[in-house]
Amino acid sequence: MARTAVNIEEARAAPLLQEAGERLDGAEGEAVLDFSAVRRVDASTLRALEELARMAEKKAVKVVLRGVDVDVYKVLKLVKLTRRFSFVS
């Protein structure tokens, strides 16, 4: 199983997520996104996450979010994105 890992910085979260989505082209297996440096998500980050989830589902790639802050998780839960990702500490 191929694995792609990306560290997400809060200030550049949306562009980094878009870049991670582009890396899914031709990828197989699993993409791990490290959210340990992210304490807040804005609308552009949520849109980028939604698009990433859509692309991953289309390509049958599992996306794992690592180190997600509790408050960020709550926001993802409110917008119904948690079911589209796996989470690890």
N, C-alpha and C. Protein backbone atom coordinates (compact mmCIF):
# COMPACT_ATOMS: atom_id res chain seq x y z
N MET A 1 0.85 -1.18 0.00
CA MET A 1 0.00 0.00 0.00
C MET A 1 0.89 1.24 0.00
N ALA A 2 0.73 2.08 -0.98
CA ALA A 2 1.49 3.32 -1.06
C ALA A 2 0.94 4.30 -0.04
N ARG A 3 1.82 5.15 0.49
CA ARG A 3 1.39 6.09 1.52
C ARG A 3 1.98 7.46 1.23
N THR A 4 1.14 8.47 1.24
CA THR A 4 1.56 9.85 1.06
C THR A 4 1.32 10.58 2.37
N ALA A 5 2.31 11.34 2.85
CA ALA A 5 2.16 12.10 4.09
C ALA A 5 2.41 13.58 3.83
N VAL A 6 1.54 14.42 4.38
CA VAL A 6 1.65 15.87 4.20
C VAL A 6 1.42 16.54 5.54
N ASN A 7 2.32 17.47 5.91
CA ASN A 7 2.13 18.29 7.10
C ASN A 7 1.32 19.51 6.71
N ILE A 8 0.24 19.75 7.43
CA ILE A 8 -0.64 20.88 7.13
C ILE A 8 -0.35 22.01 8.12
N GLU A 9 -0.06 23.18 7.58
CA GLU A 9 0.16 24.38 8.39
C GLU A 9 -1.12 25.19 8.38
N GLU A 10 -1.50 25.73 9.53
CA GLU A 10 -2.76 26.46 9.63
C GLU A 10 -2.85 27.62 8.65
N ALA A 11 -1.79 28.39 8.53
CA ALA A 11 -1.80 29.58 7.67
C ALA A 11 -1.93 29.24 6.19
N ARG A 12 -1.51 28.04 5.80
CA ARG A 12 -1.53 27.64 4.39
C ARG A 12 -2.34 26.37 4.18
N ALA A 13 -3.31 26.13 5.03
CA ALA A 13 -4.03 24.86 5.01
C ALA A 13 -4.72 24.60 3.67
N ALA A 14 -5.49 25.56 3.17
CA ALA A 14 -6.24 25.33 1.92
C ALA A 14 -5.32 25.00 0.74
N PRO A 15 -4.27 25.80 0.48
CA PRO A 15 -3.38 25.44 -0.64
C PRO A 15 -2.67 24.10 -0.44
N LEU A 16 -2.29 23.79 0.80
CA LEU A 16 -1.64 22.50 1.06
C LEU A 16 -2.59 21.33 0.83
N LEU A 17 -3.86 21.52 1.18
CA LEU A 17 -4.85 20.48 0.94
C LEU A 17 -5.10 20.29 -0.55
N GLN A 18 -5.11 21.40 -1.29
CA GLN A 18 -5.27 21.30 -2.75
C GLN A 18 -4.08 20.56 -3.36
N GLU A 19 -2.90 20.86 -2.87
CA GLU A 19 -1.69 20.17 -3.33
C GLU A 19 -1.77 18.67 -3.01
N ALA A 20 -2.25 18.35 -1.81
CA ALA A 20 -2.41 16.95 -1.43
C ALA A 20 -3.41 16.26 -2.36
N GLY A 21 -4.46 16.96 -2.74
CA GLY A 21 -5.43 16.40 -3.68
C GLY A 21 -4.81 16.11 -5.03
N GLU A 22 -3.93 16.98 -5.48
CA GLU A 22 -3.24 16.76 -6.75
C GLU A 22 -2.31 15.55 -6.68
N ARG A 23 -1.75 15.32 -5.51
CA ARG A 23 -0.87 14.16 -5.32
C ARG A 23 -1.64 12.84 -5.37
N LEU A 24 -2.95 12.90 -5.19
CA LEU A 24 -3.75 11.68 -5.23
C LEU A 24 -3.80 11.09 -6.63
N ASP A 25 -3.55 11.92 -7.64
CA ASP A 25 -3.56 11.41 -9.01
C ASP A 25 -2.52 10.31 -9.14
N GLY A 26 -2.96 9.15 -9.46
CA GLY A 26 -2.04 8.03 -9.61
C GLY A 26 -1.63 7.38 -8.31
N ALA A 27 -2.05 7.95 -7.19
CA ALA A 27 -1.70 7.36 -5.88
C ALA A 27 -2.64 6.21 -5.57
N GLU A 28 -2.15 5.28 -4.84
CA GLU A 28 -2.96 4.16 -4.37
C GLU A 28 -2.74 4.02 -2.88
N GLY A 29 -3.75 3.62 -2.17
CA GLY A 29 -3.56 3.33 -0.76
C GLY A 29 -4.06 4.39 0.17
N GLU A 30 -3.13 5.11 0.78
CA GLU A 30 -3.47 5.96 1.91
C GLU A 30 -2.72 7.29 1.87
N ALA A 31 -3.42 8.35 2.22
CA ALA A 31 -2.80 9.67 2.36
C ALA A 31 -2.97 10.09 3.82
N VAL A 32 -1.89 10.47 4.46
CA VAL A 32 -1.92 10.90 5.86
C VAL A 32 -1.63 12.39 5.90
N LEU A 33 -2.55 13.13 6.50
CA LEU A 33 -2.39 14.58 6.64
C LEU A 33 -2.22 14.89 8.12
N ASP A 34 -1.10 15.51 8.46
CA ASP A 34 -0.79 15.84 9.84
C ASP A 34 -1.37 17.21 10.17
N PHE A 35 -2.41 17.22 11.00
CA PHE A 35 -3.11 18.44 11.38
C PHE A 35 -2.68 18.94 12.76
N SER A 36 -1.58 18.45 13.30
CA SER A 36 -1.19 18.81 14.67
C SER A 36 -0.88 20.30 14.83
N ALA A 37 -0.56 21.01 13.75
CA ALA A 37 -0.27 22.44 13.83
C ALA A 37 -1.51 23.30 13.55
N VAL A 38 -2.66 22.67 13.33
CA VAL A 38 -3.89 23.40 12.97
C VAL A 38 -4.81 23.47 14.18
N ARG A 39 -5.14 24.69 14.59
CA ARG A 39 -6.02 24.90 15.73
C ARG A 39 -7.39 25.45 15.31
N ARG A 40 -7.47 25.99 14.10
CA ARG A 40 -8.71 26.56 13.57
C ARG A 40 -8.80 26.26 12.09
N VAL A 41 -10.01 26.13 11.59
CA VAL A 41 -10.21 25.97 10.15
C VAL A 41 -11.18 27.03 9.68
N ASP A 42 -10.90 27.59 8.50
CA ASP A 42 -11.78 28.59 7.93
C ASP A 42 -12.57 27.97 6.78
N ALA A 43 -13.40 28.77 6.15
CA ALA A 43 -14.27 28.27 5.08
C ALA A 43 -13.47 27.71 3.91
N SER A 44 -12.37 28.35 3.56
CA SER A 44 -11.59 27.85 2.42
C SER A 44 -10.94 26.51 2.74
N THR A 45 -10.55 26.32 3.99
CA THR A 45 -9.98 25.03 4.40
C THR A 45 -11.05 23.95 4.37
N LEU A 46 -12.26 24.28 4.82
CA LEU A 46 -13.35 23.31 4.78
C LEU A 46 -13.69 22.92 3.35
N ARG A 47 -13.71 23.89 2.44
CA ARG A 47 -13.98 23.59 1.02
C ARG A 47 -12.88 22.70 0.46
N ALA A 48 -11.63 22.99 0.82
CA ALA A 48 -10.51 22.18 0.34
C ALA A 48 -10.59 20.76 0.89
N LEU A 49 -10.98 20.61 2.14
CA LEU A 49 -11.15 19.28 2.73
C LEU A 49 -12.27 18.51 2.03
N GLU A 50 -13.35 19.20 1.76
CA GLU A 50 -14.48 18.56 1.07
C GLU A 50 -14.06 18.09 -0.33
N GLU A 51 -13.33 18.92 -1.03
CA GLU A 51 -12.85 18.56 -2.37
C GLU A 51 -11.85 17.41 -2.29
N LEU A 52 -10.97 17.44 -1.31
CA LEU A 52 -10.00 16.36 -1.12
C LEU A 52 -10.73 15.04 -0.85
N ALA A 53 -11.74 15.07 0.00
CA ALA A 53 -12.51 13.86 0.31
C ALA A 53 -13.19 13.34 -0.95
N ARG A 54 -13.74 14.23 -1.76
CA ARG A 54 -14.39 13.82 -3.01
C ARG A 54 -13.40 13.15 -3.94
N MET A 55 -12.24 13.77 -4.10
CA MET A 55 -11.22 13.21 -4.98
C MET A 55 -10.71 11.86 -4.46
N ALA A 56 -10.51 11.76 -3.16
CA ALA A 56 -10.01 10.51 -2.56
C ALA A 56 -11.02 9.38 -2.75
N GLU A 57 -12.29 9.68 -2.55
CA GLU A 57 -13.31 8.65 -2.74
C GLU A 57 -13.34 8.18 -4.19
N LYS A 58 -13.20 9.12 -5.09
CA LYS A 58 -13.21 8.79 -6.52
C LYS A 58 -12.03 7.89 -6.89
N LYS A 59 -10.89 8.11 -6.24
CA LYS A 59 -9.67 7.35 -6.54
C LYS A 59 -9.43 6.18 -5.58
N ALA A 60 -10.39 5.95 -4.69
CA ALA A 60 -10.30 4.86 -3.70
C ALA A 60 -9.05 4.97 -2.83
N VAL A 61 -8.75 6.19 -2.40
CA VAL A 61 -7.62 6.44 -1.50
C VAL A 61 -8.19 6.80 -0.14
N LYS A 62 -7.68 6.15 0.89
CA LYS A 62 -8.09 6.43 2.26
C LYS A 62 -7.32 7.64 2.77
N VAL A 63 -8.03 8.63 3.32
CA VAL A 63 -7.38 9.82 3.87
C VAL A 63 -7.47 9.76 5.39
N VAL A 64 -6.30 9.84 6.02
CA VAL A 64 -6.19 9.79 7.48
C VAL A 64 -5.73 11.17 7.96
N LEU A 65 -6.47 11.73 8.90
CA LEU A 65 -6.09 13.00 9.51
C LEU A 65 -5.47 12.69 10.86
N ARG A 66 -4.23 13.12 11.03
CA ARG A 66 -3.48 12.83 12.26
C ARG A 66 -3.38 14.10 13.12
N GLY A 67 -3.54 13.95 14.42
CA GLY A 67 -3.33 15.06 15.35
C GLY A 67 -4.36 16.17 15.26
N VAL A 68 -5.60 15.82 14.96
CA VAL A 68 -6.65 16.84 14.83
C VAL A 68 -7.06 17.36 16.20
N ASP A 69 -7.04 18.66 16.36
CA ASP A 69 -7.46 19.34 17.59
C ASP A 69 -8.94 19.06 17.83
N VAL A 70 -9.35 18.97 19.09
CA VAL A 70 -10.74 18.68 19.44
C VAL A 70 -11.69 19.70 18.83
N ASP A 71 -11.32 20.99 18.88
CA ASP A 71 -12.20 22.03 18.31
C ASP A 71 -12.31 21.90 16.80
N VAL A 72 -11.23 21.55 16.14
CA VAL A 72 -11.26 21.34 14.69
C VAL A 72 -12.14 20.13 14.38
N TYR A 73 -12.01 19.08 15.17
CA TYR A 73 -12.85 17.89 14.98
C TYR A 73 -14.33 18.25 15.10
N LYS A 74 -14.67 19.06 16.08
CA LYS A 74 -16.07 19.47 16.28
C LYS A 74 -16.60 20.21 15.05
N VAL A 75 -15.78 21.08 14.47
CA VAL A 75 -16.19 21.79 13.26
C VAL A 75 -16.40 20.81 12.12
N LEU A 76 -15.48 19.88 11.95
CA LEU A 76 -15.62 18.87 10.89
C LEU A 76 -16.88 18.03 11.11
N LYS A 77 -17.19 17.74 12.36
CA LYS A 77 -18.39 16.97 12.68
C LYS A 77 -19.64 17.78 12.32
N LEU A 78 -19.65 19.07 12.64
CA LEU A 78 -20.80 19.93 12.34
C LEU A 78 -21.09 20.01 10.85
N VAL A 79 -20.04 20.02 10.04
CA VAL A 79 -20.24 20.12 8.58
C VAL A 79 -20.26 18.75 7.92
N LYS A 80 -20.35 17.71 8.76
CA LYS A 80 -20.50 16.33 8.29
C LYS A 80 -19.34 15.83 7.42
N LEU A 81 -18.13 16.20 7.80
CA LEU A 81 -16.94 15.72 7.09
C LEU A 81 -16.24 14.58 7.82
N THR A 82 -16.55 14.35 9.08
CA THR A 82 -15.82 13.34 9.84
C THR A 82 -15.99 11.93 9.28
N ARG A 83 -17.14 11.64 8.70
CA ARG A 83 -17.37 10.29 8.18
C ARG A 83 -16.57 10.01 6.91
N ARG A 84 -15.99 11.06 6.32
CA ARG A 84 -15.25 10.90 5.07
C ARG A 84 -13.76 10.70 5.30
N PHE A 85 -13.32 10.78 6.56
CA PHE A 85 -11.90 10.65 6.90
C PHE A 85 -11.74 9.65 8.05
N SER A 86 -10.53 9.16 8.22
CA SER A 86 -10.16 8.40 9.40
C SER A 86 -9.30 9.33 10.26
N PHE A 87 -9.31 9.09 11.57
CA PHE A 87 -8.58 9.95 12.49
C PHE A 87 -7.67 9.12 13.38
N VAL A 88 -6.45 9.63 13.59
CA VAL A 88 -5.50 9.00 14.51
C VAL A 88 -4.86 10.11 15.34
N SER A 89 -4.39 9.72 16.52
CA SER A 89 -3.77 10.70 17.44
C SER A 89 -2.40 11.09 16.97
